[in-house]
Amino acid sequence: MAAASAPVAVVLPAGADDPAGLSGGDLYDRRVVWGLAEAGRPVREHRVPGKWPDPGPADRAELARALAACPDGSVVLADGLLACAAPDIAVPEAGRLRIAVLVHLPLADETGLAPAAAAGLEAREREVLRAAAAVVATGPWAGRELAARYRLPADRVHVVPPGTDPAPPASGTDGASGLLCVASVTPRKGHDLLVEALAAVADLPWECRCAGPAERAPEFTAEVLGRVARHGLGGRVRLAGPLAGAELEAAYAAADLVVLPSRAETFGMAAAEALARGIPVLAAAAGALPETIGRAPGGDVPGLLVPPGDAPALAAALRRWLTGTALRRRLRRAARLRAPELGAWPESLAAMSAVLDTVAAAPLRGEGPR
């Protein structure tokens, strides 16, 4: 990417740098913004406060100001959590701005929404994505899902998966009992299922560390802690809060198995991070997770997949892992073979840069070919 690349305005949730609220989507946003700027593209950030996708009037006004501040014809990369929640703000601006909407998760796919609320969010998202100059999905599965759900032209949906950084193979603990879950404590991530599954294998040796913010859904966090106490797992299941840097690296290094019982995922960055370190993954076959985990050369899956929302199946897979020496050996080998096939962040940044250049060269709505 050359320094002459078109400038881009990036519109993000204001909490994207808050260590107490770190998520995979936040990490993706930050790596993209920093990477584009470091590579020479002029980047102007707009941070919008609020509890999106249900903001208050002042937060909506801030989003409107952020878009209004962009000169006509500007390239704008907008987080879908903001833009798709406010079609009355974003769609009119799409007539004068070249807006690329980055979708981490379709708004209606968040776990626990009432049907009417989900339908309303889907309608808002459809309106915005159909008006956008481009839609950026975080993986091939997500790109196909968005194109089909909203009947988007194929040439307007672009896939820019997260990258991974080079990392040494994890040393683990005893090869079996060190379990790690890296995810925000929210209903979609399935910590309640994980605790129930762990209770079913309490007769076996293991310890499980859960790394991720616990403040996003306080009632759910209280429910998870209640389950831990009720099953007598307080000394074996630890909610460690958000980890980053050396602390997160140490958590991965000590892990024998990464467990992701998510109810929905459009990529699953923690799965890729685990595999980059040669750690097998036990995951729900939800959304993009089977695709992200993939297969090693030779065809072996570097982990175990179970039906989403199925605590007994998760427990059965944990028991297979904890008692199966040959299985563990095979999965570790597959994970280490899978690691070199994962995309790196420079590839992701090059892909995002190409999307932004394509958007910059496209005519605005209503213009003829350039």
Protein backbone atom coordinates (compact mmCIF):
# COMPACT_ATOMS: atom_id res chain seq x y z
CA MET A 1 0.00 0.00 0.00
CA ALA A 2 1.51 3.33 -1.05
CA ALA A 3 1.42 6.61 0.86
CA ALA A 4 -0.72 8.04 -1.95
CA SER A 5 -3.63 5.74 -1.08
CA ALA A 6 -6.94 7.52 -0.63
CA PRO A 7 -7.57 8.89 2.88
CA VAL A 8 -10.15 7.08 4.96
CA ALA A 9 -12.38 8.20 7.81
CA VAL A 10 -12.96 5.37 10.30
CA VAL A 11 -16.09 5.50 12.45
CA LEU A 12 -15.85 3.20 15.48
CA PRO A 13 -17.57 2.62 18.82
CA ALA A 14 -15.95 4.80 21.48
CA GLY A 15 -15.14 1.86 23.73
CA ALA A 16 -12.88 0.13 21.23
CA ASP A 17 -9.73 0.96 23.24
CA ASP A 18 -11.13 0.18 26.69
CA PRO A 19 -9.17 -2.79 28.12
CA ALA A 20 -12.15 -3.67 30.33
CA GLY A 21 -14.33 -4.14 27.25
CA LEU A 22 -11.90 -5.72 24.83
CA SER A 23 -13.45 -8.07 22.26
CA GLY A 24 -12.36 -9.73 19.06
CA GLY A 25 -14.15 -7.05 17.08
CA ASP A 26 -12.34 -4.32 19.02
CA LEU A 27 -8.98 -5.97 18.35
CA TYR A 28 -9.78 -6.26 14.66
CA ASP A 29 -10.76 -2.58 14.46
CA ARG A 30 -7.60 -1.46 16.21
CA ARG A 31 -5.27 -3.62 14.14
CA VAL A 32 -6.85 -2.35 10.93
CA VAL A 33 -6.69 1.31 11.93
CA TRP A 34 -3.13 1.14 13.19
CA GLY A 35 -1.99 -0.97 10.26
CA LEU A 36 -3.46 1.31 7.61
CA ALA A 37 -1.91 4.37 9.24
CA GLU A 38 1.48 2.72 9.67
CA ALA A 39 1.45 1.74 5.99
CA GLY A 40 1.00 5.37 4.96
CA ARG A 41 -2.73 5.77 4.39
CA PRO A 42 -4.13 8.96 5.95
CA VAL A 43 -6.63 7.80 8.59
CA ARG A 44 -9.00 10.02 10.56
CA GLU A 45 -10.79 8.36 13.45
CA HIS A 46 -14.23 9.28 14.76
CA ARG A 47 -15.21 7.66 18.06
CA VAL A 48 -18.94 7.48 18.76
CA PRO A 49 -20.13 6.85 22.34
CA GLY A 50 -23.25 4.95 23.28
CA LYS A 51 -24.75 1.56 23.91
CA TRP A 52 -25.09 0.46 20.31
CA PRO A 53 -27.18 -0.84 18.58
CA ASP A 54 -29.61 0.86 21.00
CA PRO A 55 -28.10 4.33 21.43
CA GLY A 56 -29.58 7.37 23.10
CA PRO A 57 -30.40 10.61 21.25
CA ALA A 58 -27.04 12.21 22.11
CA ASP A 59 -25.16 9.20 20.76
CA ARG A 60 -27.16 9.21 17.53
CA ALA A 61 -26.40 12.91 17.18
CA GLU A 62 -22.69 12.16 17.58
CA LEU A 63 -22.83 9.59 14.78
CA ALA A 64 -24.57 12.14 12.58
CA ARG A 65 -21.86 14.72 13.38
CA ALA A 66 -19.09 12.22 12.62
CA LEU A 67 -20.48 11.48 9.16
CA ALA A 68 -21.38 15.08 8.45
CA ALA A 69 -17.76 16.08 9.18
CA CYS A 70 -16.54 13.97 6.26
CA PRO A 71 -16.12 15.96 3.02
CA ASP A 72 -18.19 14.98 -0.01
CA GLY A 73 -16.78 11.93 -1.76
CA SER A 74 -14.81 10.73 1.26
CA VAL A 75 -14.08 7.05 1.80
CA VAL A 76 -15.57 6.02 5.15
CA LEU A 77 -15.04 2.70 6.91
CA ALA A 78 -17.89 2.42 9.44
CA ASP A 79 -18.36 -0.28 12.04
CA GLY A 80 -21.71 -1.95 11.36
CA LEU A 81 -22.64 -1.85 15.03
CA LEU A 82 -23.07 1.90 14.55
CA ALA A 83 -24.05 2.38 10.92
CA CYS A 84 -26.52 -0.49 10.64
CA ALA A 85 -28.36 0.62 13.76
CA ALA A 86 -29.16 4.04 12.29
CA PRO A 87 -30.31 3.86 8.65
CA ASP A 88 -31.99 7.25 8.96
CA ILE A 89 -28.51 8.71 9.53
CA ALA A 90 -26.28 6.46 7.42
CA VAL A 91 -28.38 5.97 4.28
CA PRO A 92 -28.76 9.68 3.37
CA GLU A 93 -25.00 10.13 3.84
CA ALA A 94 -24.36 7.22 1.46
CA GLY A 95 -25.43 9.53 -1.35
CA ARG A 96 -22.43 11.82 -0.87
CA LEU A 97 -19.91 9.53 0.87
CA ARG A 98 -18.31 6.27 -0.18
CA ILE A 99 -19.21 4.18 2.86
CA ALA A 100 -17.83 0.70 3.45
CA VAL A 101 -19.62 -1.02 6.33
CA LEU A 102 -17.60 -3.49 8.40
CA VAL A 103 -19.89 -6.21 9.78
CA HIS A 104 -18.50 -8.20 12.70
CA LEU A 105 -21.84 -9.84 13.51
CA PRO A 106 -25.28 -9.28 11.93
CA LEU A 107 -27.22 -7.24 14.48
CA ALA A 108 -30.11 -9.69 14.63
CA ASP A 109 -27.80 -12.61 15.45
CA GLU A 110 -27.01 -11.49 18.98
CA THR A 111 -28.23 -14.13 21.43
CA GLY A 112 -31.31 -13.41 23.54
CA LEU A 113 -33.12 -10.89 21.34
CA ALA A 114 -36.90 -10.97 21.25
CA PRO A 115 -38.21 -11.89 17.77
CA ALA A 116 -39.65 -8.43 17.16
CA ALA A 117 -36.40 -6.75 18.19
CA ALA A 118 -34.36 -9.06 15.96
CA ALA A 119 -36.65 -8.40 13.00
CA GLY A 120 -36.32 -4.65 13.51
CA LEU A 121 -32.53 -4.81 13.65
CA GLU A 122 -32.41 -6.97 10.53
CA ALA A 123 -34.59 -4.49 8.64
CA ARG A 124 -32.35 -1.59 9.65
CA GLU A 125 -29.20 -3.49 8.70
CA ARG A 126 -30.66 -4.48 5.32
CA GLU A 127 -31.39 -0.85 4.47
CA VAL A 128 -27.88 0.30 5.34
CA LEU A 129 -25.99 -2.53 3.64
CA ARG A 130 -27.98 -2.16 0.43
CA ALA A 131 -27.10 1.55 0.36
CA ALA A 132 -23.40 1.11 1.20
CA ALA A 133 -20.67 1.33 -1.40
CA ALA A 134 -19.17 -1.86 0.03
CA VAL A 135 -19.77 -4.41 2.76
CA VAL A 136 -16.75 -5.90 4.51
CA ALA A 137 -17.20 -9.32 6.12
CA THR A 138 -14.64 -10.86 8.47
CA GLY A 139 -14.56 -14.26 6.78
CA PRO A 140 -15.80 -16.24 3.77
CA TRP A 141 -18.72 -17.78 5.67
CA ALA A 142 -19.83 -14.34 6.87
CA GLY A 143 -19.54 -12.91 3.37
CA ARG A 144 -21.75 -15.62 1.92
CA GLU A 145 -24.25 -15.24 4.75
CA LEU A 146 -24.55 -11.46 4.33
CA ALA A 147 -24.86 -11.65 0.55
CA ALA A 148 -27.61 -14.26 0.76
CA ARG A 149 -29.50 -12.73 3.67
CA TYR A 150 -29.64 -9.24 2.22
CA ARG A 151 -29.46 -10.11 -1.51
CA LEU A 152 -26.36 -8.01 -2.00
CA PRO A 153 -24.49 -7.90 -5.31
CA ALA A 154 -21.46 -10.18 -5.12
CA ASP A 155 -19.08 -7.42 -6.18
CA ARG A 156 -20.07 -5.26 -3.19
CA VAL A 157 -19.29 -7.89 -0.53
CA HIS A 158 -15.62 -8.13 0.35
CA VAL A 159 -13.94 -10.58 2.73
CA VAL A 160 -11.14 -9.38 5.01
CA PRO A 161 -10.45 -12.04 7.66
CA PRO A 162 -8.52 -11.20 10.82
CA GLY A 163 -4.86 -12.11 10.77
CA THR A 164 -2.68 -13.87 13.29
CA ASP A 165 0.76 -12.98 14.57
CA PRO A 166 3.65 -15.43 14.58
CA ALA A 167 3.73 -17.29 17.91
CA PRO A 168 5.73 -20.19 19.33
CA PRO A 169 3.93 -23.47 19.96
CA ALA A 170 2.20 -23.51 23.34
CA SER A 171 3.93 -25.65 25.94
CA GLY A 172 0.65 -26.40 27.75
CA THR A 173 0.48 -28.02 31.16
CA ASP A 174 0.28 -31.81 31.34
CA GLY A 175 -0.96 -32.08 27.77
CA ALA A 176 -4.62 -32.46 28.74
CA SER A 177 -5.98 -30.60 31.75
CA GLY A 178 -5.27 -26.94 30.96
CA LEU A 179 -8.48 -25.58 29.42
CA LEU A 180 -8.82 -22.01 28.16
CA CYS A 181 -11.83 -20.05 26.91
CA VAL A 182 -11.10 -16.63 25.37
CA ALA A 183 -14.38 -14.74 24.93
CA SER A 184 -16.48 -11.96 26.40
CA VAL A 185 -18.85 -13.32 29.03
CA THR A 186 -22.10 -12.90 27.11
CA PRO A 187 -24.94 -15.31 26.25
CA ARG A 188 -23.70 -15.68 22.67
CA LYS A 189 -20.34 -17.02 23.84
CA GLY A 190 -21.94 -19.86 25.80
CA HIS A 191 -20.16 -19.81 29.16
CA ASP A 192 -23.30 -21.27 30.73
CA LEU A 193 -22.98 -24.30 28.45
CA LEU A 194 -19.30 -24.58 29.29
CA VAL A 195 -19.93 -24.67 33.04
CA GLU A 196 -22.59 -27.36 32.66
CA ALA A 197 -20.27 -29.44 30.50
CA LEU A 198 -17.42 -29.05 32.97
CA ALA A 199 -19.67 -30.13 35.82
CA ALA A 200 -20.36 -33.34 33.91
CA VAL A 201 -16.63 -34.16 33.79
CA ALA A 202 -15.83 -33.04 37.34
CA ASP A 203 -14.57 -36.55 38.11
CA LEU A 204 -11.58 -35.92 35.81
CA PRO A 205 -8.60 -33.61 36.41
CA TRP A 206 -8.81 -30.23 34.68
CA GLU A 207 -8.73 -26.48 35.31
CA CYS A 208 -10.47 -23.94 33.10
CA ARG A 209 -9.50 -20.29 32.76
CA CYS A 210 -11.97 -17.93 31.08
CA ALA A 211 -10.27 -14.81 29.69
CA GLY A 212 -12.53 -11.97 28.57
CA PRO A 213 -14.53 -9.00 29.81
CA ALA A 214 -17.32 -9.87 32.21
CA GLU A 215 -19.08 -6.48 32.33
CA ARG A 216 -20.96 -6.53 29.04
CA ALA A 217 -23.81 -8.70 30.30
CA PRO A 218 -23.73 -8.49 34.11
CA GLU A 219 -26.87 -10.57 34.65
CA PHE A 220 -25.46 -13.36 32.51
CA THR A 221 -22.11 -13.17 34.31
CA ALA A 222 -23.94 -13.53 37.62
CA GLU A 223 -25.78 -16.55 36.22
CA VAL A 224 -22.50 -18.16 35.12
CA LEU A 225 -20.91 -17.57 38.53
CA GLY A 226 -24.03 -19.01 40.16
CA ARG A 227 -23.66 -22.17 38.09
CA VAL A 228 -20.00 -22.42 39.05
CA ALA A 229 -20.89 -22.18 42.74
CA ARG A 230 -23.85 -24.55 42.48
CA HIS A 231 -21.66 -27.26 40.93
CA GLY A 232 -18.83 -26.70 43.40
CA LEU A 233 -16.37 -25.66 40.68
CA GLY A 234 -15.14 -22.46 42.30
CA GLY A 235 -11.60 -23.76 42.63
CA ARG A 236 -11.43 -25.04 39.06
CA VAL A 237 -13.24 -22.46 36.87
CA ARG A 238 -11.78 -18.97 36.94
CA LEU A 239 -13.19 -15.88 35.25
CA ALA A 240 -9.93 -14.02 34.81
CA GLY A 241 -11.32 -10.88 33.16
CA PRO A 242 -9.84 -9.33 30.01
CA LEU A 243 -6.25 -10.31 29.30
CA ALA A 244 -3.93 -8.69 26.78
CA GLY A 245 -0.26 -8.61 25.91
CA ALA A 246 2.01 -10.78 28.03
CA GLU A 247 -0.87 -11.97 30.24
CA LEU A 248 -2.83 -13.31 27.28
CA GLU A 249 0.28 -14.88 25.78
CA ALA A 250 0.94 -16.64 29.08
CA ALA A 251 -2.65 -17.93 29.16
CA TYR A 252 -2.30 -19.39 25.67
CA ALA A 253 1.12 -20.85 26.48
CA ALA A 254 -0.36 -22.74 29.45
CA ALA A 255 -3.36 -24.07 27.49
CA ASP A 256 -3.67 -27.66 26.32
CA LEU A 257 -7.11 -27.09 24.73
CA VAL A 258 -9.06 -23.95 23.82
CA VAL A 259 -12.82 -24.31 24.28
CA LEU A 260 -15.30 -22.08 22.38
CA PRO A 261 -18.94 -23.03 23.03
CA SER A 262 -20.35 -20.06 21.10
CA ARG A 263 -23.95 -20.02 19.93
CA ALA A 264 -23.03 -17.87 16.89
CA GLU A 265 -19.76 -16.72 15.31
CA THR A 266 -18.86 -15.00 12.06
CA PHE A 267 -15.17 -15.89 12.36
CA GLY A 268 -13.83 -16.87 15.80
CA MET A 269 -10.54 -15.03 16.34
CA ALA A 270 -9.75 -17.04 19.49
CA ALA A 271 -9.85 -20.25 17.43
CA ALA A 272 -7.33 -18.85 14.96
CA GLU A 273 -5.11 -17.56 17.77
CA ALA A 274 -5.16 -20.99 19.40
CA LEU A 275 -4.27 -22.79 16.18
CA ALA A 276 -1.47 -20.30 15.50
CA ARG A 277 0.10 -21.66 18.70
CA GLY A 278 -0.59 -25.29 17.84
CA ILE A 279 -3.41 -25.62 20.40
CA PRO A 280 -6.38 -27.81 19.40
CA VAL A 281 -9.83 -26.27 19.63
CA LEU A 282 -13.07 -27.73 20.98
CA ALA A 283 -15.86 -25.59 19.55
CA ALA A 284 -19.52 -25.50 18.75
CA ALA A 285 -20.13 -25.89 15.02
CA ALA A 286 -21.72 -22.45 15.00
CA GLY A 287 -21.57 -20.17 11.99
CA ALA A 288 -18.02 -19.76 10.72
CA LEU A 289 -16.23 -21.77 13.42
CA PRO A 290 -15.93 -25.01 11.40
CA GLU A 291 -14.49 -23.01 8.50
CA THR A 292 -12.09 -21.05 10.73
CA ILE A 293 -10.82 -24.21 12.40
CA GLY A 294 -10.56 -25.87 9.01
CA ARG A 295 -8.41 -28.90 8.30
CA ALA A 296 -4.71 -29.58 8.42
CA PRO A 297 -2.86 -30.83 5.34
CA GLY A 298 -3.94 -34.44 5.05
CA GLY A 299 -7.51 -33.71 6.11
CA ASP A 300 -7.47 -33.94 9.91
CA VAL A 301 -9.59 -31.41 11.82
CA PRO A 302 -7.35 -29.76 14.44
CA GLY A 303 -10.00 -30.03 17.12
CA LEU A 304 -13.45 -31.27 17.98
CA LEU A 305 -16.79 -29.82 16.83
CA VAL A 306 -20.12 -30.28 18.64
CA PRO A 307 -23.66 -29.02 17.91
CA PRO A 308 -24.29 -25.45 19.10
CA GLY A 309 -26.17 -25.10 22.38
CA ASP A 310 -25.60 -28.74 23.36
CA ALA A 311 -23.98 -28.98 26.80
CA PRO A 312 -24.10 -32.83 26.94
CA ALA A 313 -22.30 -33.05 23.57
CA LEU A 314 -19.73 -30.55 24.81
CA ALA A 315 -19.24 -32.66 27.95
CA ALA A 316 -18.84 -35.83 25.88
CA ALA A 317 -16.16 -34.16 23.76
CA LEU A 318 -14.34 -32.93 26.86
CA ARG A 319 -14.36 -36.45 28.26
CA ARG A 320 -12.95 -37.80 25.00
CA TRP A 321 -10.19 -35.20 25.14
CA LEU A 322 -9.34 -35.73 28.81
CA THR A 323 -9.25 -39.52 28.58
CA GLY A 324 -7.92 -40.06 25.06
CA THR A 325 -4.15 -39.98 24.84
CA ALA A 326 -4.08 -40.98 21.16
CA LEU A 327 -6.81 -38.44 20.33
CA ARG A 328 -4.88 -35.63 22.01
CA ARG A 329 -1.72 -36.57 20.15
CA ARG A 330 -3.53 -36.58 16.81
CA LEU A 331 -5.26 -33.24 17.42
CA ARG A 332 -2.08 -31.53 18.57
CA ARG A 333 -0.30 -32.71 15.46
CA ALA A 334 -3.15 -31.43 13.26
CA ALA A 335 -3.16 -28.06 15.04
CA ARG A 336 0.57 -27.59 14.50
CA LEU A 337 0.21 -28.46 10.83
CA ARG A 338 -2.73 -26.06 10.49
CA ALA A 339 -0.84 -23.12 12.03
CA PRO A 340 1.28 -22.19 8.97
CA GLU A 341 -1.84 -22.05 6.80
CA LEU A 342 -3.48 -19.26 8.81
CA GLY A 343 -3.50 -15.77 7.36
CA ALA A 344 -1.18 -13.12 8.81
CA TRP A 345 -2.11 -9.53 9.65
CA PRO A 346 -0.10 -8.03 6.75
CA GLU A 347 -2.31 -10.04 4.38
CA SER A 348 -5.44 -8.75 6.12
CA LEU A 349 -4.25 -5.15 5.90
CA ALA A 350 -3.41 -5.54 2.21
CA ALA A 351 -6.90 -6.92 1.60
CA MET A 352 -8.55 -4.05 3.49
CA SER A 353 -6.43 -1.54 1.61
CA ALA A 354 -7.54 -3.05 -1.69
CA VAL A 355 -11.18 -2.77 -0.63
CA LEU A 356 -10.75 0.89 0.28
CA ASP A 357 -9.01 1.63 -3.02
CA THR A 358 -11.88 -0.05 -4.88
CA VAL A 359 -14.40 2.04 -2.95
CA ALA A 360 -12.43 5.22 -3.65
CA ALA A 361 -12.48 4.51 -7.40
CA ALA A 362 -16.19 3.72 -7.56
CA PRO A 363 -18.76 6.38 -8.52
CA LEU A 364 -21.03 7.79 -5.90
CA ARG A 365 -24.67 6.78 -6.10
CA GLY A 366 -26.22 8.64 -8.97
CA GLU A 367 -22.90 9.34 -10.69
CA GLY A 368 -21.92 7.79 -13.97
CA PRO A 369 -18.78 5.68 -14.43
CA ARG A 370 -15.58 7.46 -13.50
